[in-house]
Amino acid sequence: MTNSKVRFGFPLAVALAMASAAAVAQETTVSGDAQIKASVVESLDRHAELRAPNLISVQTRGGVVYLNGQVSAGQQSATAQMVAERTPGVTRVVNSISISR
């Protein structure tokens, strides 16, 4: 193999390998986020005080859970946050739930 092929071929191979690994990691994160979201929603559904007329939506990205919506009491917001924080795979919870009056 000539020196120029080694000089250009090896960095190209490394770059392609890194791009492939990044794509796999992103796919794993998306899959993990979907599982985390499903687990949080399932756990929230086990709490009758968080069901309708309360409205809580759940989004996940990179293990971070985003809670949005409205509940009728502050304790319900705190409960939703606690439930999300205790879910396996959750790294952080951003609670944007508002209290309706």
C-alpha atoms as a PDB file:
ATOM      1  CA  MET A   1       0.000   0.000   0.000  1.00  0.00           C
ATOM      2  CA  THR A   2       1.352   3.390  -0.890  1.00  0.00           C
ATOM      3  CA  ASN A   3       1.973   6.028   1.728  1.00  0.00           C
ATOM      4  CA  SER A   4      -0.727   8.347   0.298  1.00  0.00           C
ATOM      5  CA  LYS A   5      -3.376   5.611   0.564  1.00  0.00           C
ATOM      6  CA  VAL A   6      -2.502   5.083   4.219  1.00  0.00           C
ATOM      7  CA  ARG A   7      -2.417   8.801   4.886  1.00  0.00           C
ATOM      8  CA  PHE A   8      -5.898   9.398   3.414  1.00  0.00           C
ATOM      9  CA  GLY A   9      -7.522   6.006   3.817  1.00  0.00           C
ATOM     10  CA  PHE A  10      -7.040   5.580   7.547  1.00  0.00           C
ATOM     11  CA  PRO A  11      -8.552   8.954   8.587  1.00  0.00           C
ATOM     12  CA  LEU A  12     -11.467   8.308   6.254  1.00  0.00           C
ATOM     13  CA  ALA A  13     -12.072   4.891   7.817  1.00  0.00           C
ATOM     14  CA  VAL A  14     -11.929   6.408  11.300  1.00  0.00           C
ATOM     15  CA  ALA A  15     -14.372   9.173  10.333  1.00  0.00           C
ATOM     16  CA  LEU A  16     -16.817   6.661   8.855  1.00  0.00           C
ATOM     17  CA  ALA A  17     -16.587   4.455  11.942  1.00  0.00           C
ATOM     18  CA  MET A  18     -17.257   7.421  14.225  1.00  0.00           C
ATOM     19  CA  ALA A  19     -20.241   8.536  12.133  1.00  0.00           C
ATOM     20  CA  SER A  20     -21.662   5.023  12.266  1.00  0.00           C
ATOM     21  CA  ALA A  21     -21.192   4.840  16.034  1.00  0.00           C
ATOM     22  CA  ALA A  22     -22.898   8.228  16.458  1.00  0.00           C
ATOM     23  CA  ALA A  23     -25.869   7.073  14.387  1.00  0.00           C
ATOM     24  CA  VAL A  24     -26.227   3.923  16.487  1.00  0.00           C
ATOM     25  CA  ALA A  25     -25.963   5.958  19.698  1.00  0.00           C
ATOM     26  CA  GLN A  26     -28.654   8.372  18.491  1.00  0.00           C
ATOM     27  CA  GLU A  27     -30.946   5.474  17.554  1.00  0.00           C
ATOM     28  CA  THR A  28     -30.398   3.927  20.990  1.00  0.00           C
ATOM     29  CA  THR A  29     -31.197   7.254  22.671  1.00  0.00           C
ATOM     30  CA  VAL A  30     -34.410   7.658  20.669  1.00  0.00           C
ATOM     31  CA  SER A  31     -35.421   4.111  21.545  1.00  0.00           C
ATOM     32  CA  GLY A  32     -34.506   4.692  25.193  1.00  0.00           C
ATOM     33  CA  ASP A  33     -36.456   7.959  25.265  1.00  0.00           C
ATOM     34  CA  ALA A  34     -39.536   6.221  23.887  1.00  0.00           C
ATOM     35  CA  GLN A  35     -39.276   3.576  26.615  1.00  0.00           C
ATOM     36  CA  ILE A  36     -38.761   6.195  29.330  1.00  0.00           C
ATOM     37  CA  LYS A  37     -41.779   8.174  28.101  1.00  0.00           C
ATOM     38  CA  ALA A  38     -43.958   5.053  28.069  1.00  0.00           C
ATOM     39  CA  SER A  39     -42.827   4.172  31.590  1.00  0.00           C
ATOM     40  CA  VAL A  40     -43.504   7.673  32.926  1.00  0.00           C
ATOM     41  CA  VAL A  41     -46.968   7.794  31.315  1.00  0.00           C
ATOM     42  CA  GLU A  42     -47.777   4.346  32.712  1.00  0.00           C
ATOM     43  CA  SER A  43     -46.631   5.389  36.198  1.00  0.00           C
ATOM     44  CA  LEU A  44     -48.624   8.629  36.062  1.00  0.00           C
ATOM     45  CA  ASP A  45     -51.725   6.671  35.045  1.00  0.00           C
ATOM     46  CA  ARG A  46     -51.461   4.666  38.278  1.00  0.00           C
ATOM     47  CA  HIS A  47     -52.195   7.853  40.240  1.00  0.00           C
ATOM     48  CA  ALA A  48     -55.939   8.577  40.131  1.00  0.00           C
ATOM     49  CA  GLU A  49     -55.391  12.157  41.330  1.00  0.00           C
ATOM     50  CA  LEU A  50     -53.380  12.883  38.160  1.00  0.00           C
ATOM     51  CA  ARG A  51     -56.038  11.697  35.722  1.00  0.00           C
ATOM     52  CA  ALA A  52     -58.690  13.851  34.029  1.00  0.00           C
ATOM     53  CA  PRO A  53     -59.633  16.607  34.360  1.00  0.00           C
ATOM     54  CA  ASN A  54     -55.888  17.146  34.876  1.00  0.00           C
ATOM     55  CA  LEU A  55     -53.873  17.293  31.671  1.00  0.00           C
ATOM     56  CA  ILE A  56     -50.232  16.223  31.789  1.00  0.00           C
ATOM     57  CA  SER A  57     -48.137  15.618  28.693  1.00  0.00           C
ATOM     58  CA  VAL A  58     -44.771  13.880  28.747  1.00  0.00           C
ATOM     59  CA  GLN A  59     -41.860  14.347  26.365  1.00  0.00           C
ATOM     60  CA  THR A  60     -38.344  12.922  26.657  1.00  0.00           C
ATOM     61  CA  ARG A  61     -35.031  13.792  25.080  1.00  0.00           C
ATOM     62  CA  GLY A  62     -31.728  12.291  26.117  1.00  0.00           C
ATOM     63  CA  GLY A  63     -33.198  10.909  29.332  1.00  0.00           C
ATOM     64  CA  VAL A  64     -34.622  14.286  30.347  1.00  0.00           C
ATOM     65  CA  VAL A  65     -38.377  14.223  30.981  1.00  0.00           C
ATOM     66  CA  TYR A  66     -40.420  17.327  30.209  1.00  0.00           C
ATOM     67  CA  LEU A  67     -43.764  17.560  32.001  1.00  0.00           C
ATOM     68  CA  ASN A  68     -46.303  20.064  30.667  1.00  0.00           C
ATOM     69  CA  GLY A  69     -49.975  20.715  31.235  1.00  0.00           C
ATOM     70  CA  GLN A  70     -52.338  21.718  34.007  1.00  0.00           C
ATOM     71  CA  VAL A  71     -53.441  20.244  37.315  1.00  0.00           C
ATOM     72  CA  SER A  72     -55.853  21.549  39.925  1.00  0.00           C
ATOM     73  CA  ALA A  73     -53.465  21.531  42.919  1.00  0.00           C
ATOM     74  CA  GLY A  74     -49.785  22.088  43.583  1.00  0.00           C
ATOM     75  CA  GLN A  75     -49.434  18.719  45.263  1.00  0.00           C
ATOM     76  CA  GLN A  76     -50.450  17.027  42.005  1.00  0.00           C
ATOM     77  CA  SER A  77     -47.621  18.779  40.176  1.00  0.00           C
ATOM     78  CA  ALA A  78     -45.179  17.646  42.865  1.00  0.00           C
ATOM     79  CA  THR A  79     -46.516  14.089  42.639  1.00  0.00           C
ATOM     80  CA  ALA A  80     -46.097  14.034  38.859  1.00  0.00           C
ATOM     81  CA  GLN A  81     -42.513  15.234  39.208  1.00  0.00           C
ATOM     82  CA  MET A  82     -41.721  12.649  41.893  1.00  0.00           C
ATOM     83  CA  VAL A  83     -43.202   9.855  39.761  1.00  0.00           C
ATOM     84  CA  ALA A  84     -41.115  10.929  36.760  1.00  0.00           C
ATOM     85  CA  GLU A  85     -37.919  11.235  38.825  1.00  0.00           C
ATOM     86  CA  ARG A  86     -38.326   7.686  40.125  1.00  0.00           C
ATOM     87  CA  THR A  87     -38.659   6.195  36.649  1.00  0.00           C
ATOM     88  CA  PRO A  88     -35.605   4.180  35.543  1.00  0.00           C
ATOM     89  CA  GLY A  89     -33.508   5.932  32.919  1.00  0.00           C
ATOM     90  CA  VAL A  90     -34.632   9.455  33.812  1.00  0.00           C
ATOM     91  CA  THR A  91     -31.671  11.762  34.307  1.00  0.00           C
ATOM     92  CA  ARG A  92     -33.606  14.966  35.029  1.00  0.00           C
ATOM     93  CA  VAL A  93     -37.179  16.283  35.121  1.00  0.00           C
ATOM     94  CA  VAL A  94     -38.255  19.685  33.825  1.00  0.00           C
ATOM     95  CA  ASN A  95     -41.629  20.406  35.410  1.00  0.00           C
ATOM     96  CA  SER A  96     -43.656  23.042  33.526  1.00  0.00           C
ATOM     97  CA  ILE A  97     -47.026  21.967  34.896  1.00  0.00           C
ATOM     98  CA  SER A  98     -49.235  24.912  35.825  1.00  0.00           C
ATOM     99  CA  ILE A  99     -51.930  25.038  38.484  1.00  0.00           C
ATOM    100  CA  SER A 100     -55.406  25.875  37.162  1.00  0.00           C
ATOM    101  CA  ARG A 101     -57.683  27.967  39.345  1.00  0.00           C
END
